[in-house]
Amino acid sequence: MITRTLGRTGASVATLGYGAMELRGPPRVPALDDHQAARLLHAVLDAGINLVDTSVDYGTSEEVIGRALRSRRDEIFLCSKCGCSLDPTAGASGPYEHDWRPDTIRGGIERSLRRLATDRLDLLQVHMSPSRSQMEADGTVEAMQQLQAEGKVRFLGMSGTLPHLADHLAMGVFDVFQIPYSAIQREHEDYITAAADAGAGTLIRGGSARGAPADDKGWRPDPLGMPPGEGRQRWERSGIAEELGGMSQLEFMLRFTISHPALSSAIVGTSNVDHLRANVAIVEKGPLPVDLYEEAKRRLLPGPVPVA
């Protein structure tokens, strides 16, 4: 597995990360028993994937990871989120109210550490992209920095989107940004570059799930409010499918994502070992050929939003 440096953290992470949302259990997805979950998660690590991203909001995901991987904790760059509800039923269906005040952040991290069977997170990310003014009013960053000083968190991150991403970058406190991006969702393209230029690591989500028209994923509305069907329309009017030469749409979408020169790792989730292995095989082919990548960027409109 190809690795890249996660910005100023200095950590070496696999170009393909594992997104653990698909371990959240009912009612969103079928539950995996402990044997199935362990088989999947050990296959993740055995494939060379060392970055695992989860959240309190992902149902049973943290507990599943804790049970399956506690013996291999030192092999993982382990990421979770803060600001999530402390309601014990959170994660079952959602969506949920978020609270970025210190008590919720501390309560959330302590619960995450118990569930994950660890004494520290490698990365604690602010969830749901609150505004800078909201975080300043709530004392969000100060609460995260206190947990960092206590050794419960190594690095601070932001799971961010427009319209607040520029302000998040300007704060200068986040070591890593998790940003949605795909061939048909390029609105954050230049912000990924800006984050890397500022020394931050970049984790990309949605590079296949929001990009490829897979039967089990669908063309989902994105956080920017893309109307249903708009992604498919962008794809179809581009005509880029005619240039793939037998490459599947999933392969194209995932390789397009990892072709972004400022990307550290692309987070992709699955609960199926065969799907995992297929994703690994795609990423091991590396970025798209330069000519196809440039032609795809030209055709797949709209283009990126300039950084303010």
C-alpha atoms as a PDB file:
ATOM      1  CA  MET A   1       0.000   0.000   0.000  1.00  0.00           C
ATOM      2  CA  ILE A   2       1.300   3.447  -0.977  1.00  0.00           C
ATOM      3  CA  THR A   3       1.745   5.766   1.997  1.00  0.00           C
ATOM      4  CA  ARG A   4       1.855   9.542   2.330  1.00  0.00           C
ATOM      5  CA  THR A   5       2.779  11.870   5.182  1.00  0.00           C
ATOM      6  CA  LEU A   6      -0.201  13.306   7.059  1.00  0.00           C
ATOM      7  CA  GLY A   7       0.938  16.913   7.029  1.00  0.00           C
ATOM      8  CA  ARG A   8       2.727  18.277  10.058  1.00  0.00           C
ATOM      9  CA  THR A   9       1.687  15.297  12.192  1.00  0.00           C
ATOM     10  CA  GLY A  10       4.570  13.468  10.524  1.00  0.00           C
ATOM     11  CA  ALA A  11       2.531  10.248  10.557  1.00  0.00           C
ATOM     12  CA  SER A  12       2.841   7.955   7.563  1.00  0.00           C
ATOM     13  CA  VAL A  13      -0.652   6.878   6.505  1.00  0.00           C
ATOM     14  CA  ALA A  14      -1.894   4.610   3.745  1.00  0.00           C
ATOM     15  CA  THR A  15      -3.321   6.377   0.707  1.00  0.00           C
ATOM     16  CA  LEU A  16      -6.474   4.340   1.336  1.00  0.00           C
ATOM     17  CA  GLY A  17      -7.969   4.804   4.796  1.00  0.00           C
ATOM     18  CA  TYR A  18     -10.802   2.798   6.325  1.00  0.00           C
ATOM     19  CA  GLY A  19     -14.066   4.568   7.150  1.00  0.00           C
ATOM     20  CA  ALA A  20     -15.917   2.684   9.884  1.00  0.00           C
ATOM     21  CA  MET A  21     -19.405   4.125   9.346  1.00  0.00           C
ATOM     22  CA  GLU A  22     -20.481   0.815   7.809  1.00  0.00           C
ATOM     23  CA  LEU A  23     -19.913  -0.827  11.217  1.00  0.00           C
ATOM     24  CA  ARG A  24     -22.677   1.270  12.820  1.00  0.00           C
ATOM     25  CA  GLY A  25     -25.229  -1.560  12.874  1.00  0.00           C
ATOM     26  CA  PRO A  26     -29.041  -1.470  12.742  1.00  0.00           C
ATOM     27  CA  PRO A  27     -31.234   0.169  11.651  1.00  0.00           C
ATOM     28  CA  ARG A  28     -28.953   1.630   8.959  1.00  0.00           C
ATOM     29  CA  VAL A  29     -26.932  -1.490   8.126  1.00  0.00           C
ATOM     30  CA  PRO A  30     -26.992  -5.146   9.227  1.00  0.00           C
ATOM     31  CA  ALA A  31     -24.937  -5.862  12.315  1.00  0.00           C
ATOM     32  CA  LEU A  32     -21.734  -7.857  11.965  1.00  0.00           C
ATOM     33  CA  ASP A  33     -21.081 -10.409  14.669  1.00  0.00           C
ATOM     34  CA  ASP A  34     -17.734 -10.225  16.457  1.00  0.00           C
ATOM     35  CA  HIS A  35     -16.181 -12.877  14.202  1.00  0.00           C
ATOM     36  CA  GLN A  36     -17.263 -11.092  11.004  1.00  0.00           C
ATOM     37  CA  ALA A  37     -16.104  -7.706  12.292  1.00  0.00           C
ATOM     38  CA  ALA A  38     -12.738  -9.073  13.400  1.00  0.00           C
ATOM     39  CA  ARG A  39     -12.215 -10.742  10.023  1.00  0.00           C
ATOM     40  CA  LEU A  40     -12.965  -7.487   8.225  1.00  0.00           C
ATOM     41  CA  LEU A  41     -10.851  -5.240  10.444  1.00  0.00           C
ATOM     42  CA  HIS A  42      -7.870  -7.573  10.483  1.00  0.00           C
ATOM     43  CA  ALA A  43      -8.111  -7.701   6.682  1.00  0.00           C
ATOM     44  CA  VAL A  44      -7.972  -3.881   6.708  1.00  0.00           C
ATOM     45  CA  LEU A  45      -4.703  -3.898   8.652  1.00  0.00           C
ATOM     46  CA  ASP A  46      -3.265  -6.871   6.786  1.00  0.00           C
ATOM     47  CA  ALA A  47      -3.794  -4.958   3.515  1.00  0.00           C
ATOM     48  CA  GLY A  48      -1.534  -2.183   4.799  1.00  0.00           C
ATOM     49  CA  ILE A  49      -4.346   0.232   5.716  1.00  0.00           C
ATOM     50  CA  ASN A  50      -3.322   1.877   8.974  1.00  0.00           C
ATOM     51  CA  LEU A  51      -5.760   4.813   9.205  1.00  0.00           C
ATOM     52  CA  VAL A  52      -9.149   4.024  10.754  1.00  0.00           C
ATOM     53  CA  ASP A  53     -11.793   6.757  10.998  1.00  0.00           C
ATOM     54  CA  THR A  54     -14.867   6.436  13.213  1.00  0.00           C
ATOM     55  CA  SER A  55     -17.242   8.542  15.316  1.00  0.00           C
ATOM     56  CA  VAL A  56     -19.542   8.453  18.319  1.00  0.00           C
ATOM     57  CA  ASP A  57     -22.306   9.040  15.770  1.00  0.00           C
ATOM     58  CA  TYR A  58     -21.539   5.758  14.006  1.00  0.00           C
ATOM     59  CA  GLY A  59     -23.608   3.542  16.288  1.00  0.00           C
ATOM     60  CA  THR A  60     -21.652   0.511  17.492  1.00  0.00           C
ATOM     61  CA  SER A  61     -18.612   1.281  15.333  1.00  0.00           C
ATOM     62  CA  GLU A  62     -16.261   2.334  18.131  1.00  0.00           C
ATOM     63  CA  GLU A  63     -17.125  -0.684  20.274  1.00  0.00           C
ATOM     64  CA  VAL A  64     -16.655  -3.064  17.347  1.00  0.00           C
ATOM     65  CA  ILE A  65     -13.217  -1.594  16.615  1.00  0.00           C
ATOM     66  CA  GLY A  66     -12.224  -1.759  20.274  1.00  0.00           C
ATOM     67  CA  ARG A  67     -13.104  -5.433  20.597  1.00  0.00           C
ATOM     68  CA  ALA A  68     -11.523  -6.445  17.301  1.00  0.00           C
ATOM     69  CA  LEU A  69      -8.317  -4.439  17.258  1.00  0.00           C
ATOM     70  CA  ARG A  70      -7.227  -3.832  20.845  1.00  0.00           C
ATOM     71  CA  SER A  71      -4.336  -6.276  20.372  1.00  0.00           C
ATOM     72  CA  ARG A  72      -3.151  -4.318  17.286  1.00  0.00           C
ATOM     73  CA  ARG A  73      -3.712  -0.803  18.608  1.00  0.00           C
ATOM     74  CA  ASP A  74      -0.169   0.341  17.889  1.00  0.00           C
ATOM     75  CA  GLU A  75      -0.591  -0.484  14.187  1.00  0.00           C
ATOM     76  CA  ILE A  76      -3.420   2.032  13.766  1.00  0.00           C
ATOM     77  CA  PHE A  77      -3.652   5.782  13.320  1.00  0.00           C
ATOM     78  CA  LEU A  78      -7.023   5.995  15.077  1.00  0.00           C
ATOM     79  CA  CYS A  79      -9.387   8.893  14.383  1.00  0.00           C
ATOM     80  CA  SER A  80     -12.719   9.831  15.918  1.00  0.00           C
ATOM     81  CA  LYS A  81     -14.918  12.934  16.291  1.00  0.00           C
ATOM     82  CA  CYS A  82     -16.174  15.327  18.966  1.00  0.00           C
ATOM     83  CA  GLY A  83     -19.291  17.414  19.431  1.00  0.00           C
ATOM     84  CA  CYS A  84     -21.500  14.347  19.046  1.00  0.00           C
ATOM     85  CA  SER A  85     -24.504  13.759  21.277  1.00  0.00           C
ATOM     86  CA  LEU A  86     -23.936  12.055  24.629  1.00  0.00           C
ATOM     87  CA  ASP A  87     -27.337  10.379  24.316  1.00  0.00           C
ATOM     88  CA  PRO A  88     -26.589   6.646  24.826  1.00  0.00           C
ATOM     89  CA  THR A  89     -28.805   5.777  21.855  1.00  0.00           C
ATOM     90  CA  ALA A  90     -26.917   8.116  19.505  1.00  0.00           C
ATOM     91  CA  GLY A  91     -25.695   6.564  16.310  1.00  0.00           C
ATOM     92  CA  ALA A  92     -28.673   4.324  15.733  1.00  0.00           C
ATOM     93  CA  SER A  93     -30.355   6.339  13.009  1.00  0.00           C
ATOM     94  CA  GLY A  94     -29.640  10.102  13.169  1.00  0.00           C
ATOM     95  CA  PRO A  95     -29.352  12.904  12.325  1.00  0.00           C
ATOM     96  CA  TYR A  96     -28.417  14.349  15.704  1.00  0.00           C
ATOM     97  CA  GLU A  97     -27.974  17.657  17.390  1.00  0.00           C
ATOM     98  CA  HIS A  98     -24.328  18.470  18.078  1.00  0.00           C
ATOM     99  CA  ASP A  99     -22.867  20.386  20.998  1.00  0.00           C
ATOM    100  CA  TRP A 100     -19.297  21.690  20.834  1.00  0.00           C
ATOM    101  CA  ARG A 101     -19.010  22.869  24.468  1.00  0.00           C
ATOM    102  CA  PRO A 102     -16.295  21.481  26.783  1.00  0.00           C
ATOM    103  CA  ASP A 103     -18.495  19.127  28.827  1.00  0.00           C
ATOM    104  CA  THR A 104     -19.783  17.381  25.717  1.00  0.00           C
ATOM    105  CA  ILE A 105     -16.325  17.189  24.163  1.00  0.00           C
ATOM    106  CA  ARG A 106     -14.766  15.718  27.309  1.00  0.00           C
ATOM    107  CA  GLY A 107     -17.651  13.341  27.886  1.00  0.00           C
ATOM    108  CA  GLY A 108     -17.470  12.225  24.271  1.00  0.00           C
ATOM    109  CA  ILE A 109     -13.734  11.548  24.251  1.00  0.00           C
ATOM    110  CA  GLU A 110     -13.878   9.634  27.521  1.00  0.00           C
ATOM    111  CA  ARG A 111     -16.663   7.466  26.138  1.00  0.00           C
ATOM    112  CA  SER A 112     -14.786   6.973  22.865  1.00  0.00           C
ATOM    113  CA  LEU A 113     -11.641   5.851  24.689  1.00  0.00           C
ATOM    114  CA  ARG A 114     -13.639   3.302  26.693  1.00  0.00           C
ATOM    115  CA  ARG A 115     -15.394   1.985  23.608  1.00  0.00           C
ATOM    116  CA  LEU A 116     -12.202   1.835  21.555  1.00  0.00           C
ATOM    117  CA  ALA A 117     -10.278   0.139  24.397  1.00  0.00           C
ATOM    118  CA  THR A 118      -7.420   2.627  24.189  1.00  0.00           C
ATOM    119  CA  ASP A 119      -5.865   5.389  26.257  1.00  0.00           C
ATOM    120  CA  ARG A 120      -5.528   7.927  23.426  1.00  0.00           C
ATOM    121  CA  LEU A 121      -6.829   8.977  20.035  1.00  0.00           C
ATOM    122  CA  ASP A 122      -4.342   9.836  17.329  1.00  0.00           C
ATOM    123  CA  LEU A 123      -6.757  12.376  15.863  1.00  0.00           C
ATOM    124  CA  LEU A 124      -9.788  14.099  17.396  1.00  0.00           C
ATOM    125  CA  GLN A 125     -11.868  15.894  14.760  1.00  0.00           C
ATOM    126  CA  VAL A 126     -14.599  18.483  15.221  1.00  0.00           C
ATOM    127  CA  HIS A 127     -17.712  16.956  13.686  1.00  0.00           C
ATOM    128  CA  MET A 128     -20.275  18.642  11.422  1.00  0.00           C
ATOM    129  CA  SER A 129     -18.301  21.763  10.507  1.00  0.00           C
ATOM    130  CA  PRO A 130     -19.517  24.393  13.009  1.00  0.00           C
ATOM    131  CA  SER A 131     -18.702  28.041  12.334  1.00  0.00           C
ATOM    132  CA  ARG A 132     -15.634  29.682  13.826  1.00  0.00           C
ATOM    133  CA  SER A 133     -17.863  31.997  15.866  1.00  0.00           C
ATOM    134  CA  GLN A 134     -19.751  29.003  17.285  1.00  0.00           C
ATOM    135  CA  MET A 135     -16.527  27.301  18.333  1.00  0.00           C
ATOM    136  CA  GLU A 136     -15.146  30.486  19.852  1.00  0.00           C
ATOM    137  CA  ALA A 137     -18.332  31.020  21.849  1.00  0.00           C
ATOM    138  CA  ASP A 138     -18.319  27.408  23.041  1.00  0.00           C
ATOM    139  CA  GLY A 139     -14.607  27.151  23.859  1.00  0.00           C
ATOM    140  CA  THR A 140     -14.300  24.160  21.537  1.00  0.00           C
ATOM    141  CA  VAL A 141     -10.627  24.413  20.615  1.00  0.00           C
ATOM    142  CA  GLU A 142      -9.553  25.132  24.183  1.00  0.00           C
ATOM    143  CA  ALA A 143     -11.368  21.979  25.345  1.00  0.00           C
ATOM    144  CA  MET A 144      -9.625  19.926  22.655  1.00  0.00           C
ATOM    145  CA  GLN A 145      -6.243  21.413  23.532  1.00  0.00           C
ATOM    146  CA  GLN A 146      -6.763  20.509  27.192  1.00  0.00           C
ATOM    147  CA  LEU A 147      -7.396  16.890  26.221  1.00  0.00           C
ATOM    148  CA  GLN A 148      -4.262  17.049  24.085  1.00  0.00           C
ATOM    149  CA  ALA A 149      -2.255  18.336  27.055  1.00  0.00           C
ATOM    150  CA  GLU A 150      -3.551  15.404  29.106  1.00  0.00           C
ATOM    151  CA  GLY A 151      -2.298  12.930  26.501  1.00  0.00           C
ATOM    152  CA  LYS A 152      -5.769  11.688  25.543  1.00  0.00           C
ATOM    153  CA  VAL A 153      -5.459  13.162  22.054  1.00  0.00           C
ATOM    154  CA  ARG A 154      -2.361  13.497  19.878  1.00  0.00           C
ATOM    155  CA  PHE A 155      -3.577  15.777  17.066  1.00  0.00           C
ATOM    156  CA  LEU A 156      -6.554  18.065  16.404  1.00  0.00           C
ATOM    157  CA  GLY A 157      -8.639  17.993  13.256  1.00  0.00           C
ATOM    158  CA  MET A 158     -11.679  19.462  11.552  1.00  0.00           C
ATOM    159  CA  SER A 159     -14.258  17.525   9.560  1.00  0.00           C
ATOM    160  CA  GLY A 160     -15.163  20.604   7.545  1.00  0.00           C
ATOM    161  CA  THR A 161     -17.158  21.818   4.583  1.00  0.00           C
ATOM    162  CA  LEU A 162     -18.176  25.045   2.953  1.00  0.00           C
ATOM    163  CA  PRO A 163     -19.235  27.659   3.898  1.00  0.00           C
ATOM    164  CA  HIS A 164     -16.999  27.559   7.008  1.00  0.00           C
ATOM    165  CA  LEU A 165     -13.895  25.826   5.691  1.00  0.00           C
ATOM    166  CA  ALA A 166     -11.978  29.007   4.848  1.00  0.00           C
ATOM    167  CA  ASP A 167     -12.447  30.247   8.424  1.00  0.00           C
ATOM    168  CA  HIS A 168     -11.336  26.869   9.783  1.00  0.00           C
ATOM    169  CA  LEU A 169      -8.125  27.106   7.772  1.00  0.00           C
ATOM    170  CA  ALA A 170      -7.525  30.670   8.947  1.00  0.00           C
ATOM    171  CA  MET A 171      -7.698  29.591  12.606  1.00  0.00           C
ATOM    172  CA  GLY A 172      -4.354  27.823  12.221  1.00  0.00           C
ATOM    173  CA  VAL A 173      -5.046  25.274  14.977  1.00  0.00           C
ATOM    174  CA  PHE A 174      -6.043  22.130  13.099  1.00  0.00           C
ATOM    175  CA  ASP A 175      -3.404  19.579  12.167  1.00  0.00           C
ATOM    176  CA  VAL A 176      -5.684  17.639   9.813  1.00  0.00           C
ATOM    177  CA  PHE A 177      -8.742  18.448   7.702  1.00  0.00           C
ATOM    178  CA  GLN A 178     -11.283  15.866   6.597  1.00  0.00           C
ATOM    179  CA  ILE A 179     -13.004  17.192   3.468  1.00  0.00           C
ATOM    180  CA  PRO A 180     -15.599  15.747   1.051  1.00  0.00           C
ATOM    181  CA  TYR A 181     -14.388  15.460  -2.516  1.00  0.00           C
ATOM    182  CA  SER A 182     -14.909  13.412  -5.652  1.00  0.00           C
ATOM    183  CA  ALA A 183     -14.830  13.769  -9.415  1.00  0.00           C
ATOM    184  CA  ILE A 184     -18.404  15.046  -9.356  1.00  0.00           C
ATOM    185  CA  GLN A 185     -18.101  17.001  -6.104  1.00  0.00           C
ATOM    186  CA  ARG A 186     -15.156  19.281  -6.734  1.00  0.00           C
ATOM    187  CA  GLU A 187     -16.326  22.350  -4.802  1.00  0.00           C
ATOM    188  CA  HIS A 188     -13.650  21.803  -2.134  1.00  0.00           C
ATOM    189  CA  GLU A 189     -10.822  21.033  -4.551  1.00  0.00           C
ATOM    190  CA  ASP A 190      -8.727  24.142  -3.941  1.00  0.00           C
ATOM    191  CA  TYR A 191      -9.349  23.999  -0.185  1.00  0.00           C
ATOM    192  CA  ILE A 192      -7.608  20.635  -0.077  1.00  0.00           C
ATOM    193  CA  THR A 193      -4.580  22.285  -1.662  1.00  0.00           C
ATOM    194  CA  ALA A 194      -4.808  25.249   0.710  1.00  0.00           C
ATOM    195  CA  ALA A 195      -4.906  22.952   3.744  1.00  0.00           C
ATOM    196  CA  ALA A 196      -1.824  21.069   2.553  1.00  0.00           C
ATOM    197  CA  ASP A 197      -0.021  24.332   1.743  1.00  0.00           C
ATOM    198  CA  ALA A 198      -0.678  25.406   5.349  1.00  0.00           C
ATOM    199  CA  GLY A 199       1.025  22.221   6.586  1.00  0.00           C
ATOM    200  CA  ALA A 200      -2.093  20.254   7.485  1.00  0.00           C
ATOM    201  CA  GLY A 201      -2.841  16.654   6.573  1.00  0.00           C
ATOM    202  CA  THR A 202      -5.840  16.011   4.329  1.00  0.00           C
ATOM    203  CA  LEU A 203      -8.319  13.154   4.654  1.00  0.00           C
ATOM    204  CA  ILE A 204     -10.836  12.887   1.828  1.00  0.00           C
ATOM    205  CA  ARG A 205     -14.253  11.298   2.282  1.00  0.00           C
ATOM    206  CA  GLY A 206     -16.840  10.529  -0.363  1.00  0.00           C
ATOM    207  CA  GLY A 207     -14.285   9.851  -3.078  1.00  0.00           C
ATOM    208  CA  SER A 208     -16.111   6.727  -4.171  1.00  0.00           C
ATOM    209  CA  ALA A 209     -19.436   6.677  -2.313  1.00  0.00           C
ATOM    210  CA  ARG A 210     -20.473  10.081  -3.626  1.00  0.00           C
ATOM    211  CA  GLY A 211     -18.725   9.607  -6.912  1.00  0.00           C
ATOM    212  CA  ALA A 212     -19.516   6.233  -8.420  1.00  0.00           C
ATOM    213  CA  PRO A 213     -23.089   5.212  -9.292  1.00  0.00           C
ATOM    214  CA  ALA A 214     -22.860   1.942  -7.361  1.00  0.00           C
ATOM    215  CA  ASP A 215     -26.128   0.156  -6.632  1.00  0.00           C
ATOM    216  CA  ASP A 216     -25.401  -0.039  -2.910  1.00  0.00           C
ATOM    217  CA  LYS A 217     -24.403   3.634  -2.585  1.00  0.00           C
ATOM    218  CA  GLY A 218     -26.682   5.600  -4.882  1.00  0.00           C
ATOM    219  CA  TRP A 219     -26.265   9.212  -5.929  1.00  0.00           C
ATOM    220  CA  ARG A 220     -26.638  10.827  -2.556  1.00  0.00           C
ATOM    221  CA  PRO A 221     -27.251  14.548  -2.008  1.00  0.00           C
ATOM    222  CA  ASP A 222     -24.040  16.066  -0.723  1.00  0.00           C
ATOM    223  CA  PRO A 223     -23.492  18.391   2.284  1.00  0.00           C
ATOM    224  CA  LEU A 224     -23.519  21.401  -0.026  1.00  0.00           C
ATOM    225  CA  GLY A 225     -27.094  20.707  -0.996  1.00  0.00           C
ATOM    226  CA  MET A 226     -26.479  19.171  -4.428  1.00  0.00           C
ATOM    227  CA  PRO A 227     -29.971  18.316  -5.729  1.00  0.00           C
ATOM    228  CA  PRO A 228     -30.785  14.618  -6.181  1.00  0.00           C
ATOM    229  CA  GLY A 229     -29.636  13.514  -9.611  1.00  0.00           C
ATOM    230  CA  GLU A 230     -27.214  16.409 -10.106  1.00  0.00           C
ATOM    231  CA  GLY A 231     -24.199  14.146  -9.653  1.00  0.00           C
ATOM    232  CA  ARG A 232     -25.448  11.763 -12.309  1.00  0.00           C
ATOM    233  CA  GLN A 233     -26.131  14.682 -14.646  1.00  0.00           C
ATOM    234  CA  ARG A 234     -22.609  16.044 -14.185  1.00  0.00           C
ATOM    235  CA  TRP A 235     -21.217  12.609 -14.988  1.00  0.00           C
ATOM    236  CA  GLU A 236     -23.407  11.994 -18.035  1.00  0.00           C
ATOM    237  CA  ARG A 237     -22.924  15.394 -19.649  1.00  0.00           C
ATOM    238  CA  SER A 238     -19.155  15.133 -19.290  1.00  0.00           C
ATOM    239  CA  GLY A 239     -18.927  12.138 -21.630  1.00  0.00           C
ATOM    240  CA  ILE A 240     -15.834  11.025 -19.731  1.00  0.00           C
ATOM    241  CA  ALA A 241     -17.142   7.448 -19.539  1.00  0.00           C
ATOM    242  CA  GLU A 242     -16.244   7.117 -23.225  1.00  0.00           C
ATOM    243  CA  GLU A 243     -12.589   7.797 -22.400  1.00  0.00           C
ATOM    244  CA  LEU A 244     -12.138   5.112 -19.721  1.00  0.00           C
ATOM    245  CA  GLY A 245     -11.084   2.287 -22.032  1.00  0.00           C
ATOM    246  CA  GLY A 246     -12.735  -0.453 -19.999  1.00  0.00           C
ATOM    247  CA  MET A 247     -11.961   1.056 -16.588  1.00  0.00           C
ATOM    248  CA  SER A 248     -14.949   0.754 -14.248  1.00  0.00           C
ATOM    249  CA  GLN A 249     -16.604   3.899 -12.959  1.00  0.00           C
ATOM    250  CA  LEU A 250     -15.671   2.954  -9.400  1.00  0.00           C
ATOM    251  CA  GLU A 251     -12.016   2.566 -10.371  1.00  0.00           C
ATOM    252  CA  PHE A 252     -12.073   5.891 -12.186  1.00  0.00           C
ATOM    253  CA  MET A 253     -13.694   7.718  -9.265  1.00  0.00           C
ATOM    254  CA  LEU A 254     -11.350   6.340  -6.630  1.00  0.00           C
ATOM    255  CA  ARG A 255      -8.232   6.858  -8.713  1.00  0.00           C
ATOM    256  CA  PHE A 256      -9.415  10.388  -9.577  1.00  0.00           C
ATOM    257  CA  THR A 257      -9.654  11.099  -5.855  1.00  0.00           C
ATOM    258  CA  ILE A 258      -6.161   9.859  -5.020  1.00  0.00           C
ATOM    259  CA  SER A 259      -4.792  11.796  -8.003  1.00  0.00           C
ATOM    260  CA  HIS A 260      -5.245  15.055  -6.082  1.00  0.00           C
ATOM    261  CA  PRO A 261      -1.620  15.944  -5.306  1.00  0.00           C
ATOM    262  CA  ALA A 262      -2.467  17.407  -1.886  1.00  0.00           C
ATOM    263  CA  LEU A 263      -4.365  14.342  -0.623  1.00  0.00           C
ATOM    264  CA  SER A 264      -2.933  12.378   2.296  1.00  0.00           C
ATOM    265  CA  SER A 265      -5.506   9.574   2.485  1.00  0.00           C
ATOM    266  CA  ALA A 266      -8.883   8.736   0.920  1.00  0.00           C
ATOM    267  CA  ILE A 267     -11.317   7.295   3.452  1.00  0.00           C
ATOM    268  CA  VAL A 268     -13.528   4.547   2.039  1.00  0.00           C
ATOM    269  CA  GLY A 269     -15.880   2.382   4.084  1.00  0.00           C
ATOM    270  CA  THR A 270     -17.260  -1.105   3.605  1.00  0.00           C
ATOM    271  CA  SER A 271     -18.494  -4.009   5.690  1.00  0.00           C
ATOM    272  CA  ASN A 272     -17.569  -6.543   2.996  1.00  0.00           C
ATOM    273  CA  VAL A 273     -14.099  -8.107   2.778  1.00  0.00           C
ATOM    274  CA  ASP A 274     -14.366  -8.635  -0.980  1.00  0.00           C
ATOM    275  CA  HIS A 275     -15.258  -4.969  -1.503  1.00  0.00           C
ATOM    276  CA  LEU A 276     -12.329  -4.004   0.702  1.00  0.00           C
ATOM    277  CA  ARG A 277      -9.930  -6.067  -1.390  1.00  0.00           C
ATOM    278  CA  ALA A 278     -11.328  -4.580  -4.604  1.00  0.00           C
ATOM    279  CA  ASN A 279     -10.753  -1.056  -3.243  1.00  0.00           C
ATOM    280  CA  VAL A 280      -7.201  -1.950  -2.244  1.00  0.00           C
ATOM    281  CA  ALA A 281      -6.480  -3.332  -5.718  1.00  0.00           C
ATOM    282  CA  ILE A 282      -7.748  -0.108  -7.295  1.00  0.00           C
ATOM    283  CA  VAL A 283      -5.669   2.170  -5.073  1.00  0.00           C
ATOM    284  CA  GLU A 284      -2.563   0.070  -5.629  1.00  0.00           C
ATOM    285  CA  LYS A 285      -2.809   0.997  -9.340  1.00  0.00           C
ATOM    286  CA  GLY A 286      -2.040   4.558  -8.268  1.00  0.00           C
ATOM    287  CA  PRO A 287      -3.328   7.884  -9.620  1.00  0.00           C
ATOM    288  CA  LEU A 288      -4.934   8.181 -13.042  1.00  0.00           C
ATOM    289  CA  PRO A 289      -2.739   8.701 -16.100  1.00  0.00           C
ATOM    290  CA  VAL A 290      -2.000  12.416 -16.287  1.00  0.00           C
ATOM    291  CA  ASP A 291      -3.773  12.977 -19.605  1.00  0.00           C
ATOM    292  CA  LEU A 292      -6.980  11.280 -18.433  1.00  0.00           C
ATOM    293  CA  TYR A 293      -6.889  13.154 -15.119  1.00  0.00           C
ATOM    294  CA  GLU A 294      -6.524  16.529 -16.806  1.00  0.00           C
ATOM    295  CA  GLU A 295      -9.240  15.751 -19.356  1.00  0.00           C
ATOM    296  CA  ALA A 296     -11.594  14.620 -16.604  1.00  0.00           C
ATOM    297  CA  LYS A 297     -11.018  17.806 -14.621  1.00  0.00           C
ATOM    298  CA  ARG A 298     -11.744  19.840 -17.739  1.00  0.00           C
ATOM    299  CA  ARG A 299     -15.008  18.050 -18.487  1.00  0.00           C
ATOM    300  CA  LEU A 300     -16.438  17.413 -15.029  1.00  0.00           C
ATOM    301  CA  LEU A 301     -18.025  20.744 -14.245  1.00  0.00           C
ATOM    302  CA  PRO A 302     -18.552  22.806 -12.192  1.00  0.00           C
ATOM    303  CA  GLY A 303     -14.946  23.555 -11.476  1.00  0.00           C
ATOM    304  CA  PRO A 304     -13.476  24.231  -8.062  1.00  0.00           C
ATOM    305  CA  VAL A 305     -14.508  27.195  -5.966  1.00  0.00           C
ATOM    306  CA  PRO A 306     -11.529  29.602  -5.609  1.00  0.00           C
ATOM    307  CA  VAL A 307     -10.126  29.963  -2.114  1.00  0.00           C
ATOM    308  CA  ALA A 308     -11.111  33.334  -0.681  1.00  0.00           C
END
